[in-house]
Amino acid sequence: MRYLLPAALVAAVVAAAAAGPALAWKHPHQPPQRVHAHISLHVSSHDVVSGRGLVLRGRVRPRGSRRVKVIVRGPRGVRVGTASRRNGAFELRWRTRSVGSYTVRAYGLHDRRVRASVSPARRVTAYRTAAASYYGPGLYGGGMACGGTLEPGTLGVAHKTLPCGSKVKLRYHGRSVTVSVVDRGPYVAGRDFDLTEATRAQLHFPSTGVLLSSR
């Protein structure tokens, strides 16, 4: 019968027909792979008086309108959601509510095109105003309430209630120093801190005045 296909050809056709669905199942349409994303963050100031606002700016790459989450950790942390513009830039305002140290990070959330990303941490200190004086001359060699001996090179402050060893960041006319509570005082009404001579010298602080304090 000359119209019959050769047995080898028939076997090949049957095998191809049987393999077709299997091949289609093994190779479905693949979704686009997510690309590595990058997000940056900058703050308008690293030092601010509590109650005042800061501007947080950043940019995501690849560019486009993408979801962004900003997390502030500190005395009164917050979570803020926003979205970048088509050029990848985003901007929002944050107002500090309590004194202390804060850490701010921005997170780019993943979607079908990009993977999640996180910015470097930015640190912000929120201060309050505090009246201060200084002490030292005439008292060197004497003991301090928190232990140790007061010397000309002693860095620290005296405070009436903060626990001994508490860290306090002080700022005065652009200069700042972080010191510990080493003594008790001052005992003059209206004053918050007594600075040791060494602390006063680092800040270029006068004998009395008002400075910024993180506690």
C-alpha atoms as a PDB file:
ATOM      1  CA  MET A   1       0.000   0.000   0.000  1.00  0.00           C
ATOM      2  CA  ARG A   2       1.848   2.972  -1.337  1.00  0.00           C
ATOM      3  CA  TYR A   3      -0.208   5.561   0.671  1.00  0.00           C
ATOM      4  CA  LEU A   4       0.910   4.239   4.055  1.00  0.00           C
ATOM      5  CA  LEU A   5       3.581   6.307   5.779  1.00  0.00           C
ATOM      6  CA  PRO A   6       6.780   4.551   6.698  1.00  0.00           C
ATOM      7  CA  ALA A   7       6.662   3.143  10.206  1.00  0.00           C
ATOM      8  CA  ALA A   8       9.592   5.299  11.369  1.00  0.00           C
ATOM      9  CA  LEU A   9       7.868   8.517  10.233  1.00  0.00           C
ATOM     10  CA  VAL A  10       4.614   7.549  11.964  1.00  0.00           C
ATOM     11  CA  ALA A  11       6.485   6.892  15.202  1.00  0.00           C
ATOM     12  CA  ALA A  12       8.185  10.281  15.016  1.00  0.00           C
ATOM     13  CA  VAL A  13       4.873  12.126  14.487  1.00  0.00           C
ATOM     14  CA  VAL A  14       3.238  10.319  17.413  1.00  0.00           C
ATOM     15  CA  ALA A  15       6.193  11.048  19.686  1.00  0.00           C
ATOM     16  CA  ALA A  16       6.140  14.762  18.790  1.00  0.00           C
ATOM     17  CA  ALA A  17       2.410  14.997  19.450  1.00  0.00           C
ATOM     18  CA  ALA A  18       2.823  13.355  22.820  1.00  0.00           C
ATOM     19  CA  ALA A  19       5.759  15.545  23.791  1.00  0.00           C
ATOM     20  CA  GLY A  20       4.048  18.824  22.799  1.00  0.00           C
ATOM     21  CA  PRO A  21       1.949  19.340  25.959  1.00  0.00           C
ATOM     22  CA  ALA A  22       4.818  18.224  28.170  1.00  0.00           C
ATOM     23  CA  LEU A  23       7.161  20.728  26.581  1.00  0.00           C
ATOM     24  CA  ALA A  24       4.586  23.476  26.960  1.00  0.00           C
ATOM     25  CA  TRP A  25       4.137  22.592  30.643  1.00  0.00           C
ATOM     26  CA  LYS A  26       7.856  22.644  31.287  1.00  0.00           C
ATOM     27  CA  HIS A  27       8.370  26.019  29.658  1.00  0.00           C
ATOM     28  CA  PRO A  28       5.522  28.325  30.715  1.00  0.00           C
ATOM     29  CA  HIS A  29       5.723  32.084  30.158  1.00  0.00           C
ATOM     30  CA  GLN A  30       8.185  33.453  32.698  1.00  0.00           C
ATOM     31  CA  PRO A  31       7.335  36.746  34.516  1.00  0.00           C
ATOM     32  CA  PRO A  32       9.956  39.511  34.227  1.00  0.00           C
ATOM     33  CA  GLN A  33      12.765  39.117  36.723  1.00  0.00           C
ATOM     34  CA  ARG A  34      13.000  41.742  39.480  1.00  0.00           C
ATOM     35  CA  VAL A  35      16.007  44.023  39.153  1.00  0.00           C
ATOM     36  CA  HIS A  36      18.150  45.152  42.065  1.00  0.00           C
ATOM     37  CA  ALA A  37      16.868  48.471  43.478  1.00  0.00           C
ATOM     38  CA  HIS A  38      18.624  51.285  45.308  1.00  0.00           C
ATOM     39  CA  ILE A  39      17.208  53.974  47.578  1.00  0.00           C
ATOM     40  CA  SER A  40      18.934  57.018  49.098  1.00  0.00           C
ATOM     41  CA  LEU A  41      17.853  59.284  51.954  1.00  0.00           C
ATOM     42  CA  HIS A  42      19.026  62.668  53.220  1.00  0.00           C
ATOM     43  CA  VAL A  43      17.801  64.845  56.089  1.00  0.00           C
ATOM     44  CA  SER A  44      17.751  68.637  56.028  1.00  0.00           C
ATOM     45  CA  SER A  45      19.551  68.774  59.411  1.00  0.00           C
ATOM     46  CA  HIS A  46      21.047  66.318  61.885  1.00  0.00           C
ATOM     47  CA  ASP A  47      20.411  68.672  64.824  1.00  0.00           C
ATOM     48  CA  VAL A  48      17.042  70.275  65.499  1.00  0.00           C
ATOM     49  CA  VAL A  49      15.113  71.843  68.364  1.00  0.00           C
ATOM     50  CA  SER A  50      12.280  69.527  69.405  1.00  0.00           C
ATOM     51  CA  GLY A  51       8.979  70.535  67.859  1.00  0.00           C
ATOM     52  CA  ARG A  52      10.482  71.823  64.646  1.00  0.00           C
ATOM     53  CA  GLY A  53      10.176  70.037  61.338  1.00  0.00           C
ATOM     54  CA  LEU A  54      12.726  68.373  59.094  1.00  0.00           C
ATOM     55  CA  VAL A  55      12.613  67.614  55.389  1.00  0.00           C
ATOM     56  CA  LEU A  56      13.453  64.056  54.342  1.00  0.00           C
ATOM     57  CA  ARG A  57      14.475  63.672  50.707  1.00  0.00           C
ATOM     58  CA  GLY A  58      15.528  60.682  48.703  1.00  0.00           C
ATOM     59  CA  ARG A  59      15.560  58.918  45.362  1.00  0.00           C
ATOM     60  CA  VAL A  60      14.864  55.395  44.162  1.00  0.00           C
ATOM     61  CA  ARG A  61      16.528  53.626  41.242  1.00  0.00           C
ATOM     62  CA  PRO A  62      15.381  52.435  38.770  1.00  0.00           C
ATOM     63  CA  ARG A  63      13.370  55.624  38.395  1.00  0.00           C
ATOM     64  CA  GLY A  64       9.589  55.575  38.448  1.00  0.00           C
ATOM     65  CA  SER A  65       6.599  55.903  40.728  1.00  0.00           C
ATOM     66  CA  ARG A  66       7.295  53.415  43.515  1.00  0.00           C
ATOM     67  CA  ARG A  67       6.093  52.828  47.042  1.00  0.00           C
ATOM     68  CA  VAL A  68       8.408  54.104  49.772  1.00  0.00           C
ATOM     69  CA  LYS A  69       8.215  53.643  53.541  1.00  0.00           C
ATOM     70  CA  VAL A  70      10.164  55.818  56.000  1.00  0.00           C
ATOM     71  CA  ILE A  71      10.679  54.487  59.528  1.00  0.00           C
ATOM     72  CA  VAL A  72      11.859  56.757  62.356  1.00  0.00           C
ATOM     73  CA  ARG A  73      13.095  54.998  65.497  1.00  0.00           C
ATOM     74  CA  GLY A  74      13.603  56.939  68.716  1.00  0.00           C
ATOM     75  CA  PRO A  75      11.713  58.402  71.681  1.00  0.00           C
ATOM     76  CA  ARG A  76       8.591  58.853  69.528  1.00  0.00           C
ATOM     77  CA  GLY A  77       9.107  56.894  66.355  1.00  0.00           C
ATOM     78  CA  VAL A  78       6.804  56.968  63.348  1.00  0.00           C
ATOM     79  CA  ARG A  79       6.153  55.096  60.102  1.00  0.00           C
ATOM     80  CA  VAL A  80       5.278  57.138  57.054  1.00  0.00           C
ATOM     81  CA  GLY A  81       4.281  55.841  53.645  1.00  0.00           C
ATOM     82  CA  THR A  82       4.779  57.822  50.447  1.00  0.00           C
ATOM     83  CA  ALA A  83       5.560  57.292  46.766  1.00  0.00           C
ATOM     84  CA  SER A  84       8.311  58.514  44.492  1.00  0.00           C
ATOM     85  CA  ARG A  85       7.636  60.666  41.454  1.00  0.00           C
ATOM     86  CA  ARG A  86       8.300  59.509  37.922  1.00  0.00           C
ATOM     87  CA  ASN A  87      11.905  60.672  38.175  1.00  0.00           C
ATOM     88  CA  GLY A  88      12.367  58.512  41.312  1.00  0.00           C
ATOM     89  CA  ALA A  89      12.533  61.411  43.794  1.00  0.00           C
ATOM     90  CA  PHE A  90      10.443  61.604  46.958  1.00  0.00           C
ATOM     91  CA  GLU A  91      10.136  64.167  49.754  1.00  0.00           C
ATOM     92  CA  LEU A  92       8.225  64.409  53.026  1.00  0.00           C
ATOM     93  CA  ARG A  93       8.249  66.368  56.275  1.00  0.00           C
ATOM     94  CA  TRP A  94       8.720  64.995  59.778  1.00  0.00           C
ATOM     95  CA  ARG A  95       8.316  66.934  63.023  1.00  0.00           C
ATOM     96  CA  THR A  96      10.179  65.818  66.145  1.00  0.00           C
ATOM     97  CA  ARG A  97       7.942  65.520  69.200  1.00  0.00           C
ATOM     98  CA  SER A  98      10.405  64.592  71.936  1.00  0.00           C
ATOM     99  CA  VAL A  99      14.048  65.282  72.718  1.00  0.00           C
ATOM    100  CA  GLY A 100      16.570  62.519  72.144  1.00  0.00           C
ATOM    101  CA  SER A 101      18.359  60.608  69.398  1.00  0.00           C
ATOM    102  CA  TYR A 102      16.555  59.248  66.337  1.00  0.00           C
ATOM    103  CA  THR A 103      17.496  56.910  63.497  1.00  0.00           C
ATOM    104  CA  VAL A 104      15.791  57.383  60.114  1.00  0.00           C
ATOM    105  CA  ARG A 105      15.744  54.884  57.238  1.00  0.00           C
ATOM    106  CA  ALA A 106      13.862  54.724  53.948  1.00  0.00           C
ATOM    107  CA  TYR A 107      12.656  51.440  52.464  1.00  0.00           C
ATOM    108  CA  GLY A 108      11.802  50.888  48.819  1.00  0.00           C
ATOM    109  CA  LEU A 109       9.064  48.239  48.711  1.00  0.00           C
ATOM    110  CA  HIS A 110       9.295  45.450  46.151  1.00  0.00           C
ATOM    111  CA  ASP A 111       6.926  45.082  43.240  1.00  0.00           C
ATOM    112  CA  ARG A 112       6.871  43.071  39.992  1.00  0.00           C
ATOM    113  CA  ARG A 113       9.884  44.927  38.635  1.00  0.00           C
ATOM    114  CA  VAL A 114      12.196  45.719  41.540  1.00  0.00           C
ATOM    115  CA  ARG A 115      13.382  44.078  44.729  1.00  0.00           C
ATOM    116  CA  ALA A 116      13.076  45.731  48.128  1.00  0.00           C
ATOM    117  CA  SER A 117      15.892  48.059  49.187  1.00  0.00           C
ATOM    118  CA  VAL A 118      16.915  50.037  52.270  1.00  0.00           C
ATOM    119  CA  SER A 119      18.813  53.310  52.635  1.00  0.00           C
ATOM    120  CA  PRO A 120      21.748  53.976  54.962  1.00  0.00           C
ATOM    121  CA  ALA A 121      20.655  55.136  58.431  1.00  0.00           C
ATOM    122  CA  ARG A 122      20.542  58.877  59.082  1.00  0.00           C
ATOM    123  CA  ARG A 123      20.833  60.090  62.669  1.00  0.00           C
ATOM    124  CA  VAL A 124      19.033  63.110  64.083  1.00  0.00           C
ATOM    125  CA  THR A 125      19.273  64.636  67.557  1.00  0.00           C
ATOM    126  CA  ALA A 126      16.340  66.663  68.891  1.00  0.00           C
ATOM    127  CA  TYR A 127      17.190  69.145  71.640  1.00  0.00           C
ATOM    128  CA  ARG A 128      15.509  71.349  74.199  1.00  0.00           C
ATOM    129  CA  THR A 129      16.834  74.636  75.506  1.00  0.00           C
ATOM    130  CA  ALA A 130      18.458  74.462  78.948  1.00  0.00           C
ATOM    131  CA  ALA A 131      19.970  77.041  81.276  1.00  0.00           C
ATOM    132  CA  ALA A 132      23.473  76.176  82.423  1.00  0.00           C
ATOM    133  CA  SER A 133      26.447  77.396  84.404  1.00  0.00           C
ATOM    134  CA  TYR A 134      29.857  75.873  85.103  1.00  0.00           C
ATOM    135  CA  TYR A 135      31.931  74.876  88.102  1.00  0.00           C
ATOM    136  CA  GLY A 136      35.400  73.646  88.881  1.00  0.00           C
ATOM    137  CA  PRO A 137      37.966  76.223  89.981  1.00  0.00           C
ATOM    138  CA  GLY A 138      38.364  76.031  93.744  1.00  0.00           C
ATOM    139  CA  LEU A 139      36.739  72.582  93.859  1.00  0.00           C
ATOM    140  CA  TYR A 140      39.426  70.485  92.179  1.00  0.00           C
ATOM    141  CA  GLY A 141      40.474  67.467  94.189  1.00  0.00           C
ATOM    142  CA  GLY A 142      37.053  67.082  95.765  1.00  0.00           C
ATOM    143  CA  GLY A 143      34.795  64.078  95.347  1.00  0.00           C
ATOM    144  CA  MET A 144      31.844  63.994  92.957  1.00  0.00           C
ATOM    145  CA  ALA A 145      28.409  62.640  93.853  1.00  0.00           C
ATOM    146  CA  CYS A 146      28.633  59.953  91.168  1.00  0.00           C
ATOM    147  CA  GLY A 147      32.106  58.865  92.249  1.00  0.00           C
ATOM    148  CA  GLY A 148      35.586  59.933  91.288  1.00  0.00           C
ATOM    149  CA  THR A 149      37.483  63.162  91.835  1.00  0.00           C
ATOM    150  CA  LEU A 150      36.849  66.458  90.087  1.00  0.00           C
ATOM    151  CA  GLU A 151      39.920  67.491  88.061  1.00  0.00           C
ATOM    152  CA  PRO A 152      40.548  70.250  85.480  1.00  0.00           C
ATOM    153  CA  GLY A 153      40.274  67.692  82.665  1.00  0.00           C
ATOM    154  CA  THR A 154      37.057  66.033  83.899  1.00  0.00           C
ATOM    155  CA  LEU A 155      34.396  65.942  81.178  1.00  0.00           C
ATOM    156  CA  GLY A 156      30.835  65.819  82.421  1.00  0.00           C
ATOM    157  CA  VAL A 157      27.881  67.693  83.832  1.00  0.00           C
ATOM    158  CA  ALA A 158      26.081  67.942  87.127  1.00  0.00           C
ATOM    159  CA  HIS A 159      22.315  67.406  87.144  1.00  0.00           C
ATOM    160  CA  LYS A 160      19.862  67.108  90.002  1.00  0.00           C
ATOM    161  CA  THR A 161      17.847  64.053  88.858  1.00  0.00           C
ATOM    162  CA  LEU A 162      19.311  62.289  85.802  1.00  0.00           C
ATOM    163  CA  PRO A 163      20.914  58.963  86.782  1.00  0.00           C
ATOM    164  CA  CYS A 164      24.677  58.966  87.172  1.00  0.00           C
ATOM    165  CA  GLY A 165      26.342  57.946  83.933  1.00  0.00           C
ATOM    166  CA  SER A 166      23.467  59.177  81.735  1.00  0.00           C
ATOM    167  CA  LYS A 167      24.717  60.418  78.382  1.00  0.00           C
ATOM    168  CA  VAL A 168      23.801  63.978  77.436  1.00  0.00           C
ATOM    169  CA  LYS A 169      24.572  65.671  74.141  1.00  0.00           C
ATOM    170  CA  LEU A 170      25.046  69.420  74.507  1.00  0.00           C
ATOM    171  CA  ARG A 171      25.213  71.951  71.694  1.00  0.00           C
ATOM    172  CA  TYR A 172      26.210  75.621  71.761  1.00  0.00           C
ATOM    173  CA  HIS A 173      26.711  77.891  68.748  1.00  0.00           C
ATOM    174  CA  GLY A 174      27.526  75.046  66.360  1.00  0.00           C
ATOM    175  CA  ARG A 175      29.760  73.106  68.756  1.00  0.00           C
ATOM    176  CA  SER A 176      28.596  69.902  70.395  1.00  0.00           C
ATOM    177  CA  VAL A 177      29.881  67.399  72.921  1.00  0.00           C
ATOM    178  CA  THR A 178      28.456  64.220  74.463  1.00  0.00           C
ATOM    179  CA  VAL A 179      29.247  63.786  78.160  1.00  0.00           C
ATOM    180  CA  SER A 180      28.034  61.837  81.190  1.00  0.00           C
ATOM    181  CA  VAL A 181      26.292  62.960  84.345  1.00  0.00           C
ATOM    182  CA  VAL A 182      29.087  62.869  86.924  1.00  0.00           C
ATOM    183  CA  ASP A 183      27.770  65.013  89.777  1.00  0.00           C
ATOM    184  CA  ARG A 184      24.700  66.568  91.398  1.00  0.00           C
ATOM    185  CA  GLY A 185      23.653  70.176  90.936  1.00  0.00           C
ATOM    186  CA  PRO A 186      23.252  72.974  90.125  1.00  0.00           C
ATOM    187  CA  TYR A 187      21.397  74.273  93.144  1.00  0.00           C
ATOM    188  CA  VAL A 188      20.617  77.703  91.732  1.00  0.00           C
ATOM    189  CA  ALA A 189      16.973  78.172  90.761  1.00  0.00           C
ATOM    190  CA  GLY A 190      16.284  78.107  87.045  1.00  0.00           C
ATOM    191  CA  ARG A 191      19.438  76.259  85.998  1.00  0.00           C
ATOM    192  CA  ASP A 192      19.426  72.765  84.514  1.00  0.00           C
ATOM    193  CA  PHE A 193      23.108  71.843  84.245  1.00  0.00           C
ATOM    194  CA  ASP A 194      26.465  72.659  85.757  1.00  0.00           C
ATOM    195  CA  LEU A 195      29.234  72.026  83.236  1.00  0.00           C
ATOM    196  CA  THR A 196      32.696  71.025  84.313  1.00  0.00           C
ATOM    197  CA  GLU A 197      35.481  73.353  83.196  1.00  0.00           C
ATOM    198  CA  ALA A 198      36.622  70.905  80.510  1.00  0.00           C
ATOM    199  CA  THR A 199      33.092  70.620  79.101  1.00  0.00           C
ATOM    200  CA  ARG A 200      32.663  74.383  79.115  1.00  0.00           C
ATOM    201  CA  ALA A 201      35.967  74.811  77.254  1.00  0.00           C
ATOM    202  CA  GLN A 202      34.995  72.361  74.498  1.00  0.00           C
ATOM    203  CA  LEU A 203      31.747  74.233  73.879  1.00  0.00           C
ATOM    204  CA  HIS A 204      33.283  77.717  74.281  1.00  0.00           C
ATOM    205  CA  PHE A 205      30.450  78.302  76.740  1.00  0.00           C
ATOM    206  CA  PRO A 206      30.449  81.436  78.942  1.00  0.00           C
ATOM    207  CA  SER A 207      30.051  81.295  82.713  1.00  0.00           C
ATOM    208  CA  THR A 208      26.248  81.150  82.420  1.00  0.00           C
ATOM    209  CA  GLY A 209      23.856  80.987  79.500  1.00  0.00           C
ATOM    210  CA  VAL A 210      21.440  78.866  77.511  1.00  0.00           C
ATOM    211  CA  LEU A 211      22.441  75.863  75.424  1.00  0.00           C
ATOM    212  CA  LEU A 212      20.753  72.909  73.723  1.00  0.00           C
ATOM    213  CA  SER A 213      20.443  69.564  75.496  1.00  0.00           C
ATOM    214  CA  SER A 214      19.336  66.125  74.306  1.00  0.00           C
ATOM    215  CA  ARG A 215      17.955  65.266  77.784  1.00  0.00           C
END
